[in-house]
Amino acid sequence: MPSIGLPELACVTIFVPLVLGGTAFWIWMLVDCLQNEPPGSNDKLIWVLVILFGHLLGAVIYYFVRRTERLRLGSAGGTVAGPPPE
C-alpha cells in the first residue's frame, strides 16, 4: 500500500484550499451579480455569462470592473446610505 509522502501532502495542503477558495469566490460573484445588477438591461445577462463561462477569471474580471464601480457609486444592494427623504 503506497504511503503519502511530504511532497504529496504539501501539494494537497496548498491545492485544496486554493480550489475551495476560488470556487467560493466564484459563487459569491455570481450571487452578487444576480442580486445587484439592474434587471432592465442586458448587463446582468452578459455579466452572468462572463462569470459562468470564465469561471474564476470571469469572477475576477467582474469583481474589478463592475462590482468596484457599483460600490464606488454607492448602489450596492440598491440602497444608498444617507438621510431619509422628506
C-alpha atoms as a PDB file:
ATOM      1  CA  MET A   1       0.000   0.000   0.000  1.00  0.00           C
ATOM      2  CA  PRO A   2       1.566   3.328  -1.044  1.00  0.00           C
ATOM      3  CA  SER A   3       2.051   5.916   1.631  1.00  0.00           C
ATOM      4  CA  ILE A   4       1.583   9.649   1.265  1.00  0.00           C
ATOM      5  CA  GLY A   5       4.885  11.474   1.386  1.00  0.00           C
ATOM      6  CA  LEU A   6       5.718  15.052   2.210  1.00  0.00           C
ATOM      7  CA  PRO A   7       5.501  16.355  -1.406  1.00  0.00           C
ATOM      8  CA  GLU A   8       2.018  14.906  -1.881  1.00  0.00           C
ATOM      9  CA  LEU A   9       0.854  16.239   1.469  1.00  0.00           C
ATOM     10  CA  ALA A  10       2.226  19.693   0.678  1.00  0.00           C
ATOM     11  CA  CYS A  11       0.512  19.676  -2.706  1.00  0.00           C
ATOM     12  CA  VAL A  12      -2.825  18.723  -1.173  1.00  0.00           C
ATOM     13  CA  THR A  13      -2.402  21.239   1.653  1.00  0.00           C
ATOM     14  CA  ILE A  14      -1.876  24.055  -0.850  1.00  0.00           C
ATOM     15  CA  PHE A  15      -4.118  22.933  -3.702  1.00  0.00           C
ATOM     16  CA  VAL A  16      -7.338  22.085  -1.835  1.00  0.00           C
ATOM     17  CA  PRO A  17      -7.727  25.471  -0.052  1.00  0.00           C
ATOM     18  CA  LEU A  18      -6.995  27.317  -3.316  1.00  0.00           C
ATOM     19  CA  VAL A  19      -9.650  25.354  -5.191  1.00  0.00           C
ATOM     20  CA  LEU A  20     -12.217  25.763  -2.416  1.00  0.00           C
ATOM     21  CA  GLY A  21     -11.442  29.478  -2.070  1.00  0.00           C
ATOM     22  CA  GLY A  22     -11.658  30.039  -5.816  1.00  0.00           C
ATOM     23  CA  THR A  23     -14.977  28.225  -6.026  1.00  0.00           C
ATOM     24  CA  ALA A  24     -16.370  30.190  -3.058  1.00  0.00           C
ATOM     25  CA  PHE A  25     -15.255  33.465  -4.695  1.00  0.00           C
ATOM     26  CA  TRP A  26     -16.853  32.398  -7.987  1.00  0.00           C
ATOM     27  CA  ILE A  27     -20.172  31.616  -6.279  1.00  0.00           C
ATOM     28  CA  TRP A  28     -20.015  34.903  -4.321  1.00  0.00           C
ATOM     29  CA  MET A  29     -19.529  36.937  -7.518  1.00  0.00           C
ATOM     30  CA  LEU A  30     -22.284  35.038  -9.326  1.00  0.00           C
ATOM     31  CA  VAL A  31     -24.749  35.660  -6.486  1.00  0.00           C
ATOM     32  CA  ASP A  32     -23.637  39.304  -6.237  1.00  0.00           C
ATOM     33  CA  CYS A  33     -24.247  39.779  -9.948  1.00  0.00           C
ATOM     34  CA  LEU A  34     -27.661  38.092  -9.860  1.00  0.00           C
ATOM     35  CA  GLN A  35     -28.818  40.128  -6.871  1.00  0.00           C
ATOM     36  CA  ASN A  36     -27.382  43.564  -7.585  1.00  0.00           C
ATOM     37  CA  GLU A  37     -27.216  44.118 -11.337  1.00  0.00           C
ATOM     38  CA  PRO A  38     -30.190  46.091 -12.678  1.00  0.00           C
ATOM     39  CA  PRO A  39     -32.755  43.835 -14.359  1.00  0.00           C
ATOM     40  CA  GLY A  40     -33.806  46.331 -17.030  1.00  0.00           C
ATOM     41  CA  SER A  41     -30.799  45.912 -19.314  1.00  0.00           C
ATOM     42  CA  ASN A  42     -28.697  43.169 -20.842  1.00  0.00           C
ATOM     43  CA  ASP A  43     -25.803  43.915 -18.469  1.00  0.00           C
ATOM     44  CA  LYS A  44     -26.997  41.304 -15.984  1.00  0.00           C
ATOM     45  CA  LEU A  45     -27.191  38.565 -18.626  1.00  0.00           C
ATOM     46  CA  ILE A  46     -23.801  39.477 -20.080  1.00  0.00           C
ATOM     47  CA  TRP A  47     -22.074  39.506 -16.681  1.00  0.00           C
ATOM     48  CA  VAL A  48     -23.689  36.207 -15.663  1.00  0.00           C
ATOM     49  CA  LEU A  49     -22.419  34.624 -18.887  1.00  0.00           C
ATOM     50  CA  VAL A  50     -18.929  36.098 -18.337  1.00  0.00           C
ATOM     51  CA  ILE A  51     -18.833  34.695 -14.793  1.00  0.00           C
ATOM     52  CA  LEU A  52     -20.271  31.307 -15.775  1.00  0.00           C
ATOM     53  CA  PHE A  53     -18.048  30.685 -18.773  1.00  0.00           C
ATOM     54  CA  GLY A  54     -14.972  32.461 -17.456  1.00  0.00           C
ATOM     55  CA  HIS A  55     -15.200  30.749 -14.056  1.00  0.00           C
ATOM     56  CA  LEU A  56     -12.508  32.208 -11.788  1.00  0.00           C
ATOM     57  CA  LEU A  57     -11.140  34.605 -14.411  1.00  0.00           C
ATOM     58  CA  GLY A  58     -14.653  35.851 -15.197  1.00  0.00           C
ATOM     59  CA  ALA A  59     -15.376  36.351 -11.492  1.00  0.00           C
ATOM     60  CA  VAL A  60     -12.142  38.327 -11.040  1.00  0.00           C
ATOM     61  CA  ILE A  61     -12.973  40.490 -14.066  1.00  0.00           C
ATOM     62  CA  TYR A  62     -16.461  41.148 -12.683  1.00  0.00           C
ATOM     63  CA  TYR A  63     -15.034  41.975  -9.245  1.00  0.00           C
ATOM     64  CA  PHE A  64     -12.562  44.558 -10.506  1.00  0.00           C
ATOM     65  CA  VAL A  65     -14.617  46.043 -13.348  1.00  0.00           C
ATOM     66  CA  ARG A  66     -18.239  46.083 -12.303  1.00  0.00           C
ATOM     67  CA  ARG A  67     -18.519  45.433  -8.572  1.00  0.00           C
ATOM     68  CA  THR A  68     -15.979  48.042  -7.510  1.00  0.00           C
ATOM     69  CA  GLU A  69     -17.606  50.564  -9.863  1.00  0.00           C
ATOM     70  CA  ARG A  70     -21.038  49.862  -8.376  1.00  0.00           C
ATOM     71  CA  LEU A  71     -19.729  50.125  -4.809  1.00  0.00           C
ATOM     72  CA  ARG A  72     -17.922  53.364  -5.642  1.00  0.00           C
ATOM     73  CA  LEU A  73     -21.162  54.825  -6.958  1.00  0.00           C
ATOM     74  CA  GLY A  74     -22.963  53.663  -3.812  1.00  0.00           C
ATOM     75  CA  SER A  75     -25.577  51.486  -5.435  1.00  0.00           C
ATOM     76  CA  ALA A  76     -24.722  48.134  -3.842  1.00  0.00           C
ATOM     77  CA  GLY A  77     -27.890  46.373  -2.880  1.00  0.00           C
ATOM     78  CA  GLY A  78     -29.997  49.137  -4.371  1.00  0.00           C
ATOM     79  CA  THR A  79     -29.698  51.428  -1.338  1.00  0.00           C
ATOM     80  CA  VAL A  80     -27.560  54.438  -0.638  1.00  0.00           C
ATOM     81  CA  ALA A  81     -26.701  55.439   2.911  1.00  0.00           C
ATOM     82  CA  GLY A  82     -27.894  58.886   3.821  1.00  0.00           C
ATOM     83  CA  PRO A  83     -30.709  60.793   5.444  1.00  0.00           C
ATOM     84  CA  PRO A  84     -34.240  59.593   4.740  1.00  0.00           C
ATOM     85  CA  PRO A  85     -36.210  61.517   2.109  1.00  0.00           C
ATOM     86  CA  GLU A  86     -38.696  64.078   3.398  1.00  0.00           C
END
